[in-house]
Amino acid sequence: MLLFVFDSKPAEASWVTYSKRYAKSLGYAVYNPTTEKTLALAPTSGVTLPAGTKTITICVETAPIRYFFGSTPVTGTLGLKLDVGCYTMEYDPNLIAAFRFINDSSGSATVTIEYYGQL
């Protein structure tokens, strides 16, 4: 199943029902992506991508980021733009592991990611 939910409103509103029925928290990570990051790289704080992750919530603070899935390098001007806000993503675990991101050229972001596994 491939589901990508973009929601610029607080993730809590739509996420609460889902998380209570289907998911358990596996931890979190905080990144300051001044260079290209993946979820397997050591974060500023928290943990790297835990085994069994099915869903992630990404909160982008302060400035947008750029991202790609896969091996394409992402730069401050190349990649899909993800604006400030919280987003819930449910993907195949291999696709989550392929998530690459960096600060957009317009500023410096803080990215907080919470990992969820199946109950």
C-alpha atoms as a PDB file:
ATOM      1  CA  MET A   1       0.000   0.000   0.000  1.00  0.00           C
ATOM      2  CA  LEU A   2       1.293   3.445  -0.886  1.00  0.00           C
ATOM      3  CA  LEU A   3      -0.244   6.319   1.015  1.00  0.00           C
ATOM      4  CA  PHE A   4       1.245   9.773   1.295  1.00  0.00           C
ATOM      5  CA  VAL A   5      -0.834  12.166   3.362  1.00  0.00           C
ATOM      6  CA  PHE A   6       0.066  15.833   3.298  1.00  0.00           C
ATOM      7  CA  ASP A   7      -1.630  17.890   5.956  1.00  0.00           C
ATOM      8  CA  SER A   8      -0.402  21.334   6.883  1.00  0.00           C
ATOM      9  CA  LYS A   9      -2.641  21.322   9.954  1.00  0.00           C
ATOM     10  CA  PRO A  10      -1.350  19.770  13.159  1.00  0.00           C
ATOM     11  CA  ALA A  11      -0.850  16.058  12.586  1.00  0.00           C
ATOM     12  CA  GLU A  12      -2.548  15.291  15.899  1.00  0.00           C
ATOM     13  CA  ALA A  13      -6.080  15.837  14.603  1.00  0.00           C
ATOM     14  CA  SER A  14      -6.021  13.111  11.962  1.00  0.00           C
ATOM     15  CA  TRP A  15      -3.318  10.988  13.562  1.00  0.00           C
ATOM     16  CA  VAL A  16      -4.895  10.289  16.946  1.00  0.00           C
ATOM     17  CA  THR A  17      -7.532   7.856  15.653  1.00  0.00           C
ATOM     18  CA  TYR A  18      -5.034   6.028  13.434  1.00  0.00           C
ATOM     19  CA  SER A  19      -2.349   5.707  16.097  1.00  0.00           C
ATOM     20  CA  LYS A  20      -4.682   4.338  18.750  1.00  0.00           C
ATOM     21  CA  ARG A  21      -5.940   1.584  16.448  1.00  0.00           C
ATOM     22  CA  TYR A  22      -2.952   0.604  14.338  1.00  0.00           C
ATOM     23  CA  ALA A  23       0.392   1.852  15.575  1.00  0.00           C
ATOM     24  CA  LYS A  24       2.862   1.944  18.433  1.00  0.00           C
ATOM     25  CA  SER A  25       5.663   4.452  18.744  1.00  0.00           C
ATOM     26  CA  LEU A  26       9.142   3.099  18.015  1.00  0.00           C
ATOM     27  CA  GLY A  27      10.987   6.315  18.856  1.00  0.00           C
ATOM     28  CA  TYR A  28      11.860   9.637  17.321  1.00  0.00           C
ATOM     29  CA  ALA A  29      14.714  11.518  15.682  1.00  0.00           C
ATOM     30  CA  VAL A  30      15.620  15.191  15.306  1.00  0.00           C
ATOM     31  CA  TYR A  31      17.692  16.327  12.328  1.00  0.00           C
ATOM     32  CA  ASN A  32      19.210  19.646  11.253  1.00  0.00           C
ATOM     33  CA  PRO A  33      19.695  18.732   7.581  1.00  0.00           C
ATOM     34  CA  THR A  34      22.453  21.098   6.448  1.00  0.00           C
ATOM     35  CA  THR A  35      23.735  18.195   4.310  1.00  0.00           C
ATOM     36  CA  GLU A  36      21.739  15.377   2.717  1.00  0.00           C
ATOM     37  CA  LYS A  37      20.268  13.042   5.351  1.00  0.00           C
ATOM     38  CA  THR A  38      18.594   9.644   5.374  1.00  0.00           C
ATOM     39  CA  LEU A  39      16.797   8.055   8.301  1.00  0.00           C
ATOM     40  CA  ALA A  40      19.693   5.592   8.665  1.00  0.00           C
ATOM     41  CA  LEU A  41      22.151   8.405   9.491  1.00  0.00           C
ATOM     42  CA  ALA A  42      22.692   9.456  13.086  1.00  0.00           C
ATOM     43  CA  PRO A  43      20.277  12.234  14.068  1.00  0.00           C
ATOM     44  CA  THR A  44      21.057  15.250  16.263  1.00  0.00           C
ATOM     45  CA  SER A  45      19.054  13.426  18.946  1.00  0.00           C
ATOM     46  CA  GLY A  46      16.901  10.313  19.072  1.00  0.00           C
ATOM     47  CA  VAL A  47      17.320   7.081  17.119  1.00  0.00           C
ATOM     48  CA  THR A  48      17.947   6.004  13.532  1.00  0.00           C
ATOM     49  CA  LEU A  49      15.217   4.203  11.570  1.00  0.00           C
ATOM     50  CA  PRO A  50      14.002   1.314  13.762  1.00  0.00           C
ATOM     51  CA  ALA A  51      13.242  -2.109  12.287  1.00  0.00           C
ATOM     52  CA  GLY A  52       9.521  -2.642  11.803  1.00  0.00           C
ATOM     53  CA  THR A  53       8.702   0.997  10.972  1.00  0.00           C
ATOM     54  CA  LYS A  54       5.502   1.175   8.902  1.00  0.00           C
ATOM     55  CA  THR A  55       4.568   4.835   9.306  1.00  0.00           C
ATOM     56  CA  ILE A  56       6.389   8.068  10.054  1.00  0.00           C
ATOM     57  CA  THR A  57       5.217  11.490  11.110  1.00  0.00           C
ATOM     58  CA  ILE A  58       7.510  14.273   9.912  1.00  0.00           C
ATOM     59  CA  CYS A  59       7.361  17.743  11.461  1.00  0.00           C
ATOM     60  CA  VAL A  60       9.281  20.398   9.530  1.00  0.00           C
ATOM     61  CA  GLU A  61       9.955  23.519  11.585  1.00  0.00           C
ATOM     62  CA  THR A  62      11.311  26.977  10.745  1.00  0.00           C
ATOM     63  CA  ALA A  63      12.000  26.499   6.993  1.00  0.00           C
ATOM     64  CA  PRO A  64      11.070  24.080   4.161  1.00  0.00           C
ATOM     65  CA  ILE A  65      13.108  21.033   3.170  1.00  0.00           C
ATOM     66  CA  ARG A  66      13.689  19.249  -0.156  1.00  0.00           C
ATOM     67  CA  TYR A  67      13.309  15.475  -0.471  1.00  0.00           C
ATOM     68  CA  PHE A  68      13.442  12.484  -2.810  1.00  0.00           C
ATOM     69  CA  PHE A  69      12.917   8.775  -2.338  1.00  0.00           C
ATOM     70  CA  GLY A  70      15.669   6.571  -3.733  1.00  0.00           C
ATOM     71  CA  SER A  71      19.185   7.193  -4.966  1.00  0.00           C
ATOM     72  CA  THR A  72      18.725  10.596  -6.621  1.00  0.00           C
ATOM     73  CA  PRO A  73      20.849  13.151  -4.737  1.00  0.00           C
ATOM     74  CA  VAL A  74      18.822  15.942  -3.163  1.00  0.00           C
ATOM     75  CA  THR A  75      20.122  19.522  -2.855  1.00  0.00           C
ATOM     76  CA  GLY A  76      18.808  22.828  -1.549  1.00  0.00           C
ATOM     77  CA  THR A  77      17.311  23.518  -4.978  1.00  0.00           C
ATOM     78  CA  LEU A  78      16.722  19.995  -6.350  1.00  0.00           C
ATOM     79  CA  GLY A  79      14.022  17.804  -4.859  1.00  0.00           C
ATOM     80  CA  LEU A  80      10.377  17.984  -3.946  1.00  0.00           C
ATOM     81  CA  LYS A  81       9.668  20.843  -1.567  1.00  0.00           C
ATOM     82  CA  LEU A  82       8.079  20.068   1.802  1.00  0.00           C
ATOM     83  CA  ASP A  83       6.872  23.211   3.555  1.00  0.00           C
ATOM     84  CA  VAL A  84       6.785  23.843   7.296  1.00  0.00           C
ATOM     85  CA  GLY A  85       4.148  21.611   8.909  1.00  0.00           C
ATOM     86  CA  CYS A  86       3.492  18.052  10.058  1.00  0.00           C
ATOM     87  CA  TYR A  87       2.960  15.176   7.647  1.00  0.00           C
ATOM     88  CA  THR A  88       2.066  11.536   8.152  1.00  0.00           C
ATOM     89  CA  MET A  89       3.496   9.026   5.690  1.00  0.00           C
ATOM     90  CA  GLU A  90       2.703   5.345   5.419  1.00  0.00           C
ATOM     91  CA  TYR A  91       4.886   3.433   3.014  1.00  0.00           C
ATOM     92  CA  ASP A  92       6.536   0.167   2.327  1.00  0.00           C
ATOM     93  CA  PRO A  93       9.464   0.007   4.823  1.00  0.00           C
ATOM     94  CA  ASN A  94      11.944  -0.003   1.919  1.00  0.00           C
ATOM     95  CA  LEU A  95      10.544   3.290   0.664  1.00  0.00           C
ATOM     96  CA  ILE A  96      10.742   4.870   4.134  1.00  0.00           C
ATOM     97  CA  ALA A  97      14.397   3.793   4.289  1.00  0.00           C
ATOM     98  CA  ALA A  98      15.000   5.514   0.917  1.00  0.00           C
ATOM     99  CA  PHE A  99      13.744   8.919   2.154  1.00  0.00           C
ATOM    100  CA  ARG A 100      16.482  11.556   1.575  1.00  0.00           C
ATOM    101  CA  PHE A 101      16.172  15.185   2.659  1.00  0.00           C
ATOM    102  CA  ILE A 102      18.062  18.462   3.065  1.00  0.00           C
ATOM    103  CA  ASN A 103      17.351  22.103   3.915  1.00  0.00           C
ATOM    104  CA  ASP A 104      15.707  24.098   1.145  1.00  0.00           C
ATOM    105  CA  SER A 105      17.947  26.911  -0.075  1.00  0.00           C
ATOM    106  CA  SER A 106      15.620  29.408   1.650  1.00  0.00           C
ATOM    107  CA  GLY A 107      16.647  28.574   5.210  1.00  0.00           C
ATOM    108  CA  SER A 108      17.629  26.182   7.964  1.00  0.00           C
ATOM    109  CA  ALA A 109      15.046  23.658   9.178  1.00  0.00           C
ATOM    110  CA  THR A 110      14.654  21.396  12.151  1.00  0.00           C
ATOM    111  CA  VAL A 111      13.033  18.082  11.210  1.00  0.00           C
ATOM    112  CA  THR A 112      11.489  15.861  13.870  1.00  0.00           C
ATOM    113  CA  ILE A 113      10.439  12.359  12.845  1.00  0.00           C
ATOM    114  CA  GLU A 114       8.425   9.914  14.930  1.00  0.00           C
ATOM    115  CA  TYR A 115       8.517   6.255  13.910  1.00  0.00           C
ATOM    116  CA  TYR A 116       5.515   3.934  14.276  1.00  0.00           C
ATOM    117  CA  GLY A 117       5.181   0.184  13.940  1.00  0.00           C
ATOM    118  CA  GLN A 118       2.171  -2.071  13.819  1.00  0.00           C
ATOM    119  CA  LEU A 119       0.440  -3.019  17.075  1.00  0.00           C
END
